[in-house]
C-alpha atoms as a PDB file:
ATOM      1  CA  MET A   1      67.940  93.002 113.886  1.00  0.00           C
ATOM      2  CA  LYS A   2      67.427  92.348 110.178  1.00  0.00           C
ATOM      3  CA  PHE A   3      63.893  91.202 110.875  1.00  0.00           C
ATOM      4  CA  ILE A   4      63.141  94.424 112.760  1.00  0.00           C
ATOM      5  CA  LYS A   5      64.514  96.494 109.882  1.00  0.00           C
ATOM      6  CA  PHE A   6      62.453  94.475 107.419  1.00  0.00           C
ATOM      7  CA  CYS A   7      59.294  95.087 109.439  1.00  0.00           C
ATOM      8  CA  PHE A   8      60.142  98.779 109.664  1.00  0.00           C
ATOM      9  CA  TYR A   9      60.548  99.050 105.883  1.00  0.00           C
ATOM     10  CA  VAL A  10      57.315  97.157 105.328  1.00  0.00           C
ATOM     11  CA  LEU A  11      55.520  99.560 107.669  1.00  0.00           C
ATOM     12  CA  LEU A  12      56.993 102.599 105.927  1.00  0.00           C
ATOM     13  CA  THR A  13      56.027 101.188 102.539  1.00  0.00           C
ATOM     14  CA  PHE A  14      52.473 100.558 103.743  1.00  0.00           C
ATOM     15  CA  ILE A  15      52.160 104.096 105.105  1.00  0.00           C
ATOM     16  CA  TYR A  16      53.579 105.586 101.896  1.00  0.00           C
ATOM     17  CA  VAL A  17      51.222 103.572  99.692  1.00  0.00           C
ATOM     18  CA  TRP A  18      48.230 104.417 101.888  1.00  0.00           C
ATOM     19  CA  VAL A  19      48.920 108.146 102.036  1.00  0.00           C
ATOM     20  CA  SER A  20      49.728 108.304  98.310  1.00  0.00           C
ATOM     21  CA  SER A  21      46.558 106.396  97.466  1.00  0.00           C
ATOM     22  CA  VAL A  22      44.440 108.678  99.655  1.00  0.00           C
ATOM     23  CA  PHE A  23      45.692 111.819  97.919  1.00  0.00           C
ATOM     24  CA  LEU A  24      45.429 110.208  94.490  1.00  0.00           C
ATOM     25  CA  VAL A  25      41.847 109.068  95.051  1.00  0.00           C
ATOM     26  CA  PHE A  26      40.434 111.975  97.045  1.00  0.00           C
ATOM     27  CA  HIS A  27      42.534 114.903  95.807  1.00  0.00           C
ATOM     28  CA  GLY A  28      43.985 113.760  92.516  1.00  0.00           C
ATOM     29  CA  PRO A  29      42.996 114.614  88.931  1.00  0.00           C
ATOM     30  CA  PHE A  30      40.270 111.947  88.788  1.00  0.00           C
ATOM     31  CA  PRO A  31      36.975 113.430  90.060  1.00  0.00           C
ATOM     32  CA  ASN A  32      34.948 110.452  88.805  1.00  0.00           C
ATOM     33  CA  LEU A  33      37.109 108.071  90.845  1.00  0.00           C
ATOM     34  CA  LYS A  34      36.707 110.274  93.924  1.00  0.00           C
ATOM     35  CA  ASN A  35      32.925 110.446  93.517  1.00  0.00           C
ATOM     36  CA  TYR A  36      32.717 106.698  92.964  1.00  0.00           C
ATOM     37  CA  VAL A  37      34.687 105.839  96.115  1.00  0.00           C
ATOM     38  CA  ILE A  38      32.775 108.379  98.220  1.00  0.00           C
ATOM     39  CA  GLY A  39      29.504 106.998  96.861  1.00  0.00           C
ATOM     40  CA  ILE A  40      30.439 103.426  97.747  1.00  0.00           C
ATOM     41  CA  VAL A  41      31.486 104.206 101.313  1.00  0.00           C
ATOM     42  CA  SER A  42      28.855 106.817 102.166  1.00  0.00           C
ATOM     43  CA  THR A  43      25.953 104.593 101.024  1.00  0.00           C
ATOM     44  CA  SER A  44      27.313 101.445 102.637  1.00  0.00           C
ATOM     45  CA  MET A  45      26.374 100.094 106.057  1.00  0.00           C
ATOM     46  CA  HIS A  46      29.468 101.771 107.507  1.00  0.00           C
ATOM     47  CA  PRO A  47      29.721 105.342 106.159  1.00  0.00           C
ATOM     48  CA  GLN A  48      31.649 106.374 109.280  1.00  0.00           C
ATOM     49  CA  TYR A  49      34.744 104.809 107.709  1.00  0.00           C
ATOM     50  CA  LEU A  50      34.892 107.487 104.996  1.00  0.00           C
ATOM     51  CA  GLU A  51      36.695 110.034 107.164  1.00  0.00           C
ATOM     52  CA  PRO A  52      39.500 107.762 108.505  1.00  0.00           C
ATOM     53  CA  LEU A  53      39.839 106.151 105.075  1.00  0.00           C
ATOM     54  CA  SER A  54      40.561 109.601 103.649  1.00  0.00           C
ATOM     55  CA  LEU A  55      42.884 110.463 106.560  1.00  0.00           C
ATOM     56  CA  TRP A  56      40.208 112.928 107.698  1.00  0.00           C
ATOM     57  CA  THR A  57      40.667 115.044 104.582  1.00  0.00           C
ATOM     58  CA  VAL A  58      37.048 114.390 103.511  1.00  0.00           C
ATOM     59  CA  SER A  59      34.050 115.152 105.718  1.00  0.00           C
ATOM     60  CA  LEU A  60      31.098 112.764 105.655  1.00  0.00           C
ATOM     61  CA  ASN A  61      28.660 115.637 106.243  1.00  0.00           C
ATOM     62  CA  GLU A  62      30.133 117.712 103.418  1.00  0.00           C
ATOM     63  CA  THR A  63      29.888 114.848 100.938  1.00  0.00           C
ATOM     64  CA  LYS A  64      26.214 114.132 101.549  1.00  0.00           C
ATOM     65  CA  PRO A  65      24.425 114.828  98.247  1.00  0.00           C
ATOM     66  CA  GLN A  66      21.699 117.435  98.176  1.00  0.00           C
ATOM     67  CA  MET A  67      18.136 116.351  97.440  1.00  0.00           C
ATOM     68  CA  ASN A  68      17.361 119.198  95.069  1.00  0.00           C
ATOM     69  CA  ASN A  69      13.636 118.727  95.441  1.00  0.00           C
ATOM     70  CA  VAL A  70      10.969 120.760  93.744  1.00  0.00           C
ATOM     71  CA  ALA A  71       7.869 122.026  95.490  1.00  0.00           C
ATOM     72  CA  GLY A  72       5.164 119.465  96.163  1.00  0.00           C
ATOM     73  CA  LYS A  73       1.490 119.453  95.254  1.00  0.00           C
ATOM     74  CA  GLY A  74       1.592 116.365  93.057  1.00  0.00           C
ATOM     75  CA  SER A  75       1.173 116.314  89.315  1.00  0.00           C
ATOM     76  CA  THR A  76      -0.844 118.670  87.184  1.00  0.00           C
ATOM     77  CA  ILE A  77      -1.337 115.933  84.572  1.00  0.00           C
ATOM     78  CA  PHE A  78      -3.626 113.535  86.404  1.00  0.00           C
ATOM     79  CA  ALA A  79      -5.843 113.571  89.479  1.00  0.00           C
ATOM     80  CA  SER A  80      -7.176 110.083  90.187  1.00  0.00           C
ATOM     81  CA  PHE A  81      -6.709 106.392  89.432  1.00  0.00           C
ATOM     82  CA  LYS A  82      -9.546 105.070  91.569  1.00  0.00           C
ATOM     83  CA  ASP A  83     -11.161 103.390  88.530  1.00  0.00           C
ATOM     84  CA  VAL A  84      -8.029 101.496  87.387  1.00  0.00           C
ATOM     85  CA  ASN A  85      -8.675  97.743  87.657  1.00  0.00           C
ATOM     86  CA  ASP A  86      -5.706  96.197  85.841  1.00  0.00           C
ATOM     87  CA  SER A  87      -4.142  93.836  88.395  1.00  0.00           C
ATOM     88  CA  SER A  88      -1.199  92.695  86.258  1.00  0.00           C
ATOM     89  CA  ILE A  89       2.463  93.070  87.212  1.00  0.00           C
ATOM     90  CA  GLU A  90       5.312  92.924  84.698  1.00  0.00           C
ATOM     91  CA  VAL A  91       9.033  92.520  85.383  1.00  0.00           C
ATOM     92  CA  LYS A  92      11.507  93.588  82.715  1.00  0.00           C
ATOM     93  CA  ASP A  93      15.295  93.512  82.413  1.00  0.00           C
ATOM     94  CA  TYR A  94      17.350  96.469  81.224  1.00  0.00           C
ATOM     95  CA  HIS A  95      21.064  96.630  80.438  1.00  0.00           C
ATOM     96  CA  ALA A  96      23.246  99.730  80.168  1.00  0.00           C
ATOM     97  CA  PRO A  97      27.013 100.187  79.834  1.00  0.00           C
ATOM     98  CA  THR A  98      27.578 100.690  83.586  1.00  0.00           C
ATOM     99  CA  PHE A  99      24.635  98.856  85.179  1.00  0.00           C
ATOM    100  CA  SER A 100      21.776  96.447  84.739  1.00  0.00           C
ATOM    101  CA  ALA A 101      18.286  96.962  86.119  1.00  0.00           C
ATOM    102  CA  LYS A 102      15.071  95.235  87.082  1.00  0.00           C
ATOM    103  CA  ILE A 103      11.931  97.179  86.209  1.00  0.00           C
ATOM    104  CA  MET A 104       8.649  96.198  87.837  1.00  0.00           C
ATOM    105  CA  LEU A 105       5.470  97.651  86.315  1.00  0.00           C
ATOM    106  CA  VAL A 106       2.448  97.596  88.656  1.00  0.00           C
ATOM    107  CA  HIS A 107      -0.571  98.636  86.623  1.00  0.00           C
ATOM    108  CA  ASP A 108      -2.931  99.380  89.530  1.00  0.00           C
ATOM    109  CA  PRO A 109      -1.319 102.050  91.741  1.00  0.00           C
ATOM    110  CA  LYS A 110      -3.871 101.513  94.512  1.00  0.00           C
ATOM    111  CA  ARG A 111      -2.044  98.290  95.373  1.00  0.00           C
ATOM    112  CA  ILE A 112       1.017 100.194  96.638  1.00  0.00           C
ATOM    113  CA  ARG A 113       1.493 100.463 100.397  1.00  0.00           C
ATOM    114  CA  VAL A 114       4.276 101.603 102.705  1.00  0.00           C
ATOM    115  CA  ALA A 115       5.595  98.902 105.028  1.00  0.00           C
ATOM    116  CA  VAL A 116       7.409  99.897 108.226  1.00  0.00           C
ATOM    117  CA  THR A 117       9.652  97.642 110.283  1.00  0.00           C
ATOM    118  CA  LYS A 118       7.680  96.047 113.104  1.00  0.00           C
ATOM    119  CA  TYR A 119      10.654  96.744 115.357  1.00  0.00           C
ATOM    120  CA  LYS A 120      10.514 100.513 114.802  1.00  0.00           C
ATOM    121  CA  GLY A 121      12.924 102.371 117.046  1.00  0.00           C
ATOM    122  CA  ASP A 122      15.118  99.323 117.478  1.00  0.00           C
ATOM    123  CA  VAL A 123      16.002  97.417 114.330  1.00  0.00           C
ATOM    124  CA  GLY A 124      14.900  97.264 110.717  1.00  0.00           C
ATOM    125  CA  GLN A 125      13.713  94.373 108.581  1.00  0.00           C
ATOM    126  CA  THR A 126      14.637  93.213 105.112  1.00  0.00           C
ATOM    127  CA  VAL A 127      12.313  93.905 102.200  1.00  0.00           C
ATOM    128  CA  SER A 128      11.538  90.181 102.038  1.00  0.00           C
ATOM    129  CA  GLU A 129      10.480  90.184 105.691  1.00  0.00           C
ATOM    130  CA  MET A 130       8.280  93.255 105.282  1.00  0.00           C
ATOM    131  CA  VAL A 131       6.652  91.805 102.161  1.00  0.00           C
ATOM    132  CA  ASP A 132       5.897  88.586 104.048  1.00  0.00           C
ATOM    133  CA  ASP A 133       4.573  90.375 107.133  1.00  0.00           C
ATOM    134  CA  ALA A 134       2.284  92.550 104.998  1.00  0.00           C
ATOM    135  CA  HIS A 135       1.075  89.480 103.030  1.00  0.00           C
ATOM    136  CA  ALA A 136       2.145  91.398  99.948  1.00  0.00           C
ATOM    137  CA  VAL A 137       3.309  89.948  96.624  1.00  0.00           C
ATOM    138  CA  ALA A 138       6.251  92.239  95.869  1.00  0.00           C
ATOM    139  CA  GLY A 139       8.270  95.144  97.183  1.00  0.00           C
ATOM    140  CA  ILE A 140      11.272  97.450  96.966  1.00  0.00           C
ATOM    141  CA  ASN A 141      13.219  99.299  99.629  1.00  0.00           C
ATOM    142  CA  GLY A 142      11.922 102.682 100.679  1.00  0.00           C
ATOM    143  CA  GLY A 143      13.096 105.828 102.395  1.00  0.00           C
ATOM    144  CA  SER A 144      15.571 107.388 104.749  1.00  0.00           C
ATOM    145  CA  PHE A 145      16.400 105.964 108.171  1.00  0.00           C
ATOM    146  CA  SER A 146      18.770 106.379 111.075  1.00  0.00           C
ATOM    147  CA  ASP A 147      21.345 103.639 111.505  1.00  0.00           C
ATOM    148  CA  VAL A 148      22.150 103.855 115.220  1.00  0.00           C
ATOM    149  CA  ALA A 149      25.899 103.725 115.859  1.00  0.00           C
ATOM    150  CA  TYR A 150      26.328 102.436 112.263  1.00  0.00           C
ATOM    151  CA  ARG A 151      25.390  98.916 113.349  1.00  0.00           C
ATOM    152  CA  GLY A 152      23.266  98.167 110.297  1.00  0.00           C
ATOM    153  CA  THR A 153      20.122  98.359 112.402  1.00  0.00           C
ATOM    154  CA  GLY A 154      17.984 100.675 110.249  1.00  0.00           C
ATOM    155  CA  GLY A 155      15.155 100.787 112.772  1.00  0.00           C
ATOM    156  CA  ILE A 156      14.292 104.500 112.818  1.00  0.00           C
ATOM    157  CA  PRO A 157      12.524 105.998 109.764  1.00  0.00           C
ATOM    158  CA  LEU A 158      13.290 109.676 109.191  1.00  0.00           C
ATOM    159  CA  GLY A 159      11.357 112.581 107.725  1.00  0.00           C
ATOM    160  CA  ASN A 160       7.770 112.022 106.605  1.00  0.00           C
ATOM    161  CA  THR A 161       6.575 108.446 106.994  1.00  0.00           C
ATOM    162  CA  ILE A 162       2.893 107.650 106.495  1.00  0.00           C
ATOM    163  CA  GLN A 163       1.385 104.157 106.471  1.00  0.00           C
ATOM    164  CA  ASP A 164      -2.274 103.647 105.532  1.00  0.00           C
ATOM    165  CA  GLY A 165      -3.058 107.233 106.454  1.00  0.00           C
ATOM    166  CA  LYS A 166      -1.348 107.049 109.849  1.00  0.00           C
ATOM    167  CA  VAL A 167       1.565 109.418 110.445  1.00  0.00           C
ATOM    168  CA  ILE A 168       4.498 107.341 111.711  1.00  0.00           C
ATOM    169  CA  THR A 169       7.147 110.093 111.638  1.00  0.00           C
ATOM    170  CA  SER A 170       6.925 113.727 110.626  1.00  0.00           C
ATOM    171  CA  GLY A 171       9.485 115.991 108.960  1.00  0.00           C
ATOM    172  CA  ASP A 172       9.272 119.742 108.579  1.00  0.00           C
ATOM    173  CA  SER A 173       9.089 120.336 104.807  1.00  0.00           C
ATOM    174  CA  ALA A 174      10.915 117.094 104.054  1.00  0.00           C
ATOM    175  CA  PRO A 175      11.644 115.582 100.620  1.00  0.00           C
ATOM    176  CA  THR A 176       8.754 113.132 100.306  1.00  0.00           C
ATOM    177  CA  ILE A 177       7.641 110.351  97.980  1.00  0.00           C
ATOM    178  CA  GLY A 178       4.143 108.954  98.428  1.00  0.00           C
ATOM    179  CA  PHE A 179       0.710 108.057  97.083  1.00  0.00           C
ATOM    180  CA  THR A 180      -2.692 109.642  97.578  1.00  0.00           C
ATOM    181  CA  ASP A 181      -5.787 107.648  98.477  1.00  0.00           C
ATOM    182  CA  GLU A 182      -6.602 107.560  94.741  1.00  0.00           C
ATOM    183  CA  GLY A 183      -3.243 106.164  93.682  1.00  0.00           C
ATOM    184  CA  VAL A 184      -1.476 109.324  92.488  1.00  0.00           C
ATOM    185  CA  LEU A 185       2.291 109.454  93.055  1.00  0.00           C
ATOM    186  CA  VAL A 186       3.481 112.675  94.683  1.00  0.00           C
ATOM    187  CA  CYS A 187       7.126 113.643  95.033  1.00  0.00           C
ATOM    188  CA  GLY A 188       8.724 116.840  96.202  1.00  0.00           C
ATOM    189  CA  THR A 189       9.083 118.871  99.390  1.00  0.00           C
ATOM    190  CA  TYR A 190       6.065 118.528 101.685  1.00  0.00           C
ATOM    191  CA  SER A 191       5.126 119.338 105.248  1.00  0.00           C
ATOM    192  CA  GLN A 192       2.926 116.955 107.215  1.00  0.00           C
ATOM    193  CA  LYS A 193       0.050 119.431 106.910  1.00  0.00           C
ATOM    194  CA  GLU A 194       0.364 119.534 103.116  1.00  0.00           C
ATOM    195  CA  LEU A 195       0.445 115.737 102.883  1.00  0.00           C
ATOM    196  CA  ILE A 196      -2.743 115.442 104.923  1.00  0.00           C
ATOM    197  CA  GLU A 197      -4.445 118.160 102.856  1.00  0.00           C
ATOM    198  CA  ASP A 198      -3.491 116.319  99.641  1.00  0.00           C
ATOM    199  CA  HIS A 199      -4.895 113.015 100.980  1.00  0.00           C
ATOM    200  CA  VAL A 200      -1.512 111.283 100.910  1.00  0.00           C
ATOM    201  CA  THR A 201      -1.938 107.941 102.696  1.00  0.00           C
ATOM    202  CA  GLN A 202       1.446 106.301 101.969  1.00  0.00           C
ATOM    203  CA  ALA A 203       4.754 108.183 102.133  1.00  0.00           C
ATOM    204  CA  VAL A 204       8.473 108.010 102.904  1.00  0.00           C
ATOM    205  CA  THR A 205      11.245 110.589 102.803  1.00  0.00           C
ATOM    206  CA  PHE A 206      13.968 110.536 100.176  1.00  0.00           C
ATOM    207  CA  GLY A 207      14.947 112.134  96.877  1.00  0.00           C
ATOM    208  CA  PRO A 208      15.850 113.809  94.640  1.00  0.00           C
ATOM    209  CA  VAL A 209      12.932 114.117  92.263  1.00  0.00           C
ATOM    210  CA  LEU A 210      13.934 112.757  88.848  1.00  0.00           C
ATOM    211  CA  VAL A 211      10.936 113.552  86.659  1.00  0.00           C
ATOM    212  CA  LYS A 212       8.222 116.146  87.264  1.00  0.00           C
ATOM    213  CA  ASP A 213       5.163 116.543  85.011  1.00  0.00           C
ATOM    214  CA  GLY A 214       6.809 114.525  82.260  1.00  0.00           C
ATOM    215  CA  LYS A 215      10.102 116.441  82.228  1.00  0.00           C
ATOM    216  CA  GLY A 216      13.457 115.243  83.514  1.00  0.00           C
ATOM    217  CA  ILE A 217      14.872 117.707  86.029  1.00  0.00           C
ATOM    218  CA  ILE A 218      18.316 116.281  86.834  1.00  0.00           C
ATOM    219  CA  GLU A 219      21.168 118.525  85.728  1.00  0.00           C
ATOM    220  CA  GLY A 220      24.498 117.032  84.666  1.00  0.00           C
ATOM    221  CA  ASP A 221      24.943 113.538  86.100  1.00  0.00           C
ATOM    222  CA  GLY A 222      23.060 114.504  89.265  1.00  0.00           C
ATOM    223  CA  GLY A 223      26.098 114.786  91.537  1.00  0.00           C
ATOM    224  CA  TRP A 224      25.555 111.485  93.364  1.00  0.00           C
ATOM    225  CA  GLY A 225      28.177 109.399  91.568  1.00  0.00           C
ATOM    226  CA  TYR A 226      27.512 105.810  90.464  1.00  0.00           C
ATOM    227  CA  ALA A 227      25.956 103.194  92.748  1.00  0.00           C
ATOM    228  CA  PRO A 228      23.141 100.665  93.025  1.00  0.00           C
ATOM    229  CA  ARG A 229      19.912 102.650  92.921  1.00  0.00           C
ATOM    230  CA  THR A 230      16.217 102.303  93.669  1.00  0.00           C
ATOM    231  CA  ALA A 231      13.568 104.595  92.212  1.00  0.00           C
ATOM    232  CA  ILE A 232       9.801 104.801  91.829  1.00  0.00           C
ATOM    233  CA  GLY A 233       7.739 106.563  89.179  1.00  0.00           C
ATOM    234  CA  GLN A 234       4.312 106.653  87.557  1.00  0.00           C
ATOM    235  CA  ARG A 235       2.967 106.709  84.030  1.00  0.00           C
ATOM    236  CA  GLU A 236       0.074 108.850  82.878  1.00  0.00           C
ATOM    237  CA  ASP A 237      -2.202 105.765  82.935  1.00  0.00           C
ATOM    238  CA  GLY A 238      -1.349 105.182  86.612  1.00  0.00           C
ATOM    239  CA  THR A 239       1.153 102.347  86.164  1.00  0.00           C
ATOM    240  CA  VAL A 240       3.782 102.445  88.900  1.00  0.00           C
ATOM    241  CA  ILE A 241       7.376 101.958  87.720  1.00  0.00           C
ATOM    242  CA  MET A 242       9.706 100.396  90.290  1.00  0.00           C
ATOM    243  CA  VAL A 243      13.398 100.323  89.360  1.00  0.00           C
ATOM    244  CA  VAL A 244      16.359  98.676  91.085  1.00  0.00           C
ATOM    245  CA  THR A 245      19.790  98.855  89.466  1.00  0.00           C
ATOM    246  CA  SER A 246      23.006  96.958  90.065  1.00  0.00           C
ATOM    247  CA  GLY A 247      26.410  98.437  90.863  1.00  0.00           C
ATOM    248  CA  ARG A 248      29.672  98.181  92.786  1.00  0.00           C
ATOM    249  CA  MET A 249      30.934  95.649  90.247  1.00  0.00           C
ATOM    250  CA  VAL A 250      28.758  92.789  91.553  1.00  0.00           C
ATOM    251  CA  ASN A 251      28.419  91.566  87.961  1.00  0.00           C
ATOM    252  CA  GLY A 252      31.928  92.439  86.765  1.00  0.00           C
ATOM    253  CA  PRO A 253      34.279  95.415  86.361  1.00  0.00           C
ATOM    254  CA  ASP A 254      31.897  97.293  84.052  1.00  0.00           C
ATOM    255  CA  ASP A 255      29.076  97.130  86.586  1.00  0.00           C
ATOM    256  CA  LEU A 256      29.787 100.453  88.343  1.00  0.00           C
ATOM    257  CA  GLY A 257      26.210 101.496  88.978  1.00  0.00           C
ATOM    258  CA  ALA A 258      23.762 104.165  87.863  1.00  0.00           C
ATOM    259  CA  SER A 259      23.884 107.943  88.180  1.00  0.00           C
ATOM    260  CA  MET A 260      20.844 110.106  88.871  1.00  0.00           C
ATOM    261  CA  LYS A 261      20.815 111.032  85.201  1.00  0.00           C
ATOM    262  CA  ASP A 262      20.761 107.325  84.309  1.00  0.00           C
ATOM    263  CA  LEU A 263      17.758 106.828  86.597  1.00  0.00           C
ATOM    264  CA  MET A 264      15.998 109.855  85.127  1.00  0.00           C
ATOM    265  CA  ASN A 265      16.527 108.647  81.563  1.00  0.00           C
ATOM    266  CA  LEU A 266      15.373 105.134  82.483  1.00  0.00           C
ATOM    267  CA  MET A 267      12.194 106.525  84.012  1.00  0.00           C
ATOM    268  CA  LEU A 268      11.555 108.662  80.918  1.00  0.00           C
ATOM    269  CA  LYS A 269      12.179 105.621  78.688  1.00  0.00           C
ATOM    270  CA  TYR A 270       9.434 103.734  80.505  1.00  0.00           C
ATOM    271  CA  GLY A 271       7.017 106.653  80.295  1.00  0.00           C
ATOM    272  CA  ALA A 272       7.217 108.199  83.760  1.00  0.00           C
ATOM    273  CA  VAL A 273       5.316 111.427  84.316  1.00  0.00           C
ATOM    274  CA  ASN A 274       6.595 111.750  87.875  1.00  0.00           C
ATOM    275  CA  ALA A 275       9.521 109.851  89.449  1.00  0.00           C
ATOM    276  CA  ALA A 276      11.916 110.083  92.368  1.00  0.00           C
ATOM    277  CA  ASN A 277      14.987 108.393  93.746  1.00  0.00           C
ATOM    278  CA  LEU A 278      14.697 106.173  96.838  1.00  0.00           C
ATOM    279  CA  ASP A 279      17.400 104.908  99.187  1.00  0.00           C
ATOM    280  CA  GLY A 280      20.162 103.076  97.296  1.00  0.00           C
ATOM    281  CA  GLY A 281      23.546 101.488  97.798  1.00  0.00           C
ATOM    282  CA  SER A 282      23.413  98.349  99.900  1.00  0.00           C
ATOM    283  CA  SER A 283      19.712  99.024 100.605  1.00  0.00           C
ATOM    284  CA  SER A 284      18.637  98.502  96.971  1.00  0.00           C
ATOM    285  CA  THR A 285      16.359  95.446  96.893  1.00  0.00           C
ATOM    286  CA  MET A 286      13.511  94.093  94.761  1.00  0.00           C
ATOM    287  CA  VAL A 287      11.399  91.085  95.744  1.00  0.00           C
ATOM    288  CA  LYS A 288       8.496  89.400  93.953  1.00  0.00           C
ATOM    289  CA  ASP A 289       6.599  86.207  94.844  1.00  0.00           C
ATOM    290  CA  GLY A 290       9.143  85.318  97.492  1.00  0.00           C
ATOM    291  CA  VAL A 291      12.101  85.628  95.102  1.00  0.00           C
ATOM    292  CA  LEU A 292      14.901  88.169  95.417  1.00  0.00           C
ATOM    293  CA  LEU A 293      15.177  89.627  91.908  1.00  0.00           C
ATOM    294  CA  ASN A 294      18.417  91.600  92.283  1.00  0.00           C
ATOM    295  CA  GLN A 295      21.750  90.923  93.928  1.00  0.00           C
ATOM    296  CA  PRO A 296      22.253  93.223  96.938  1.00  0.00           C
ATOM    297  CA  THR A 297      25.786  94.535  97.252  1.00  0.00           C
ATOM    298  CA  ASP A 298      26.162  93.875 100.959  1.00  0.00           C
ATOM    299  CA  VAL A 299      28.142  90.740 101.805  1.00  0.00           C
ATOM    300  CA  LEU A 300      25.394  89.700 104.238  1.00  0.00           C
ATOM    301  CA  GLY A 301      22.681  89.851 101.582  1.00  0.00           C
ATOM    302  CA  GLU A 302      19.534  91.939 102.130  1.00  0.00           C
ATOM    303  CA  ARG A 303      20.081  94.921 104.383  1.00  0.00           C
ATOM    304  CA  LYS A 304      17.778  95.638 107.316  1.00  0.00           C
ATOM    305  CA  ILE A 305      15.962  98.890 106.593  1.00  0.00           C
ATOM    306  CA  ALA A 306      13.120 100.927 108.078  1.00  0.00           C
ATOM    307  CA  THR A 307      10.582 101.180 105.241  1.00  0.00           C
ATOM    308  CA  SER A 308       9.561  99.591 101.950  1.00  0.00           C
ATOM    309  CA  PHE A 309       7.022 100.132  99.188  1.00  0.00           C
ATOM    310  CA  VAL A 310       5.086  96.861  98.899  1.00  0.00           C
ATOM    311  CA  VAL A 311       2.519  95.644  96.369  1.00  0.00           C
ATOM    312  CA  MET A 312      -0.602  94.172  97.950  1.00  0.00           C
ATOM    313  CA  PRO A 313      -2.553  91.243  96.430  1.00  0.00           C
ATOM    314  CA  GLU A 314      -5.177  92.115  93.848  1.00  0.00           C
END
């Protein structure tokens, strides 16, 4: 009888702590804590756990951040990089109070390609696998995808996906990040027709846009909380800036992650004229010469995803 009472008290204590914690985290006076927890769960491989974790007081659909994209049509600052012949690639380290980052500078933008999982419609591949299959030298994770039944499959790219001029998937006025046949980065809201008219040959869907025509356009902290992030941008000389940040305390308690404003400022620091956010969270990955340069936050290592931006050999 005493044992049964003990178990009953333990159960009551557990329920009290759980319910109290839920209301403290999701409805208490700490909005940054709420945004951080929502960001971790919603960008993980199992976002479906957000609703039961919050006792169904938070809706997954309502917490999805908006990709406040600007209209497309590329940049008004430059028009072509077909004559760029600098084949060098640089990798730099950056450290901030809440995250660290790897910055890859690819000086010839014509080397950038979109890689799509070879198991499209079924299961994704890691960035390392897509880089190897494409015989590329480097890569970062790409755009949006459907994760069927939240099984970490990542085999269905969403929105606008274009690979070497071939339309893989099409979205109606979707937030798009891509490159023209002359190496110009475009980012904003595009239809398939507009992408074809603008000679975009490589593209994925994601956002939001961070920098447009040399100006940062994120207001406040961006509204996406703090998490591992991936972003891509371009300098006025054509150099492509690939950024992957850490987060979720993989390197210690101060390693919370980057906000959209952090990404915007980092892109401006490295001279971006245009830049946009790519998929983040457990998807964030950077690979070069067969080496994984960042530490993915998923316990299984690299996540299987649908698309990547890869850097082809010179």
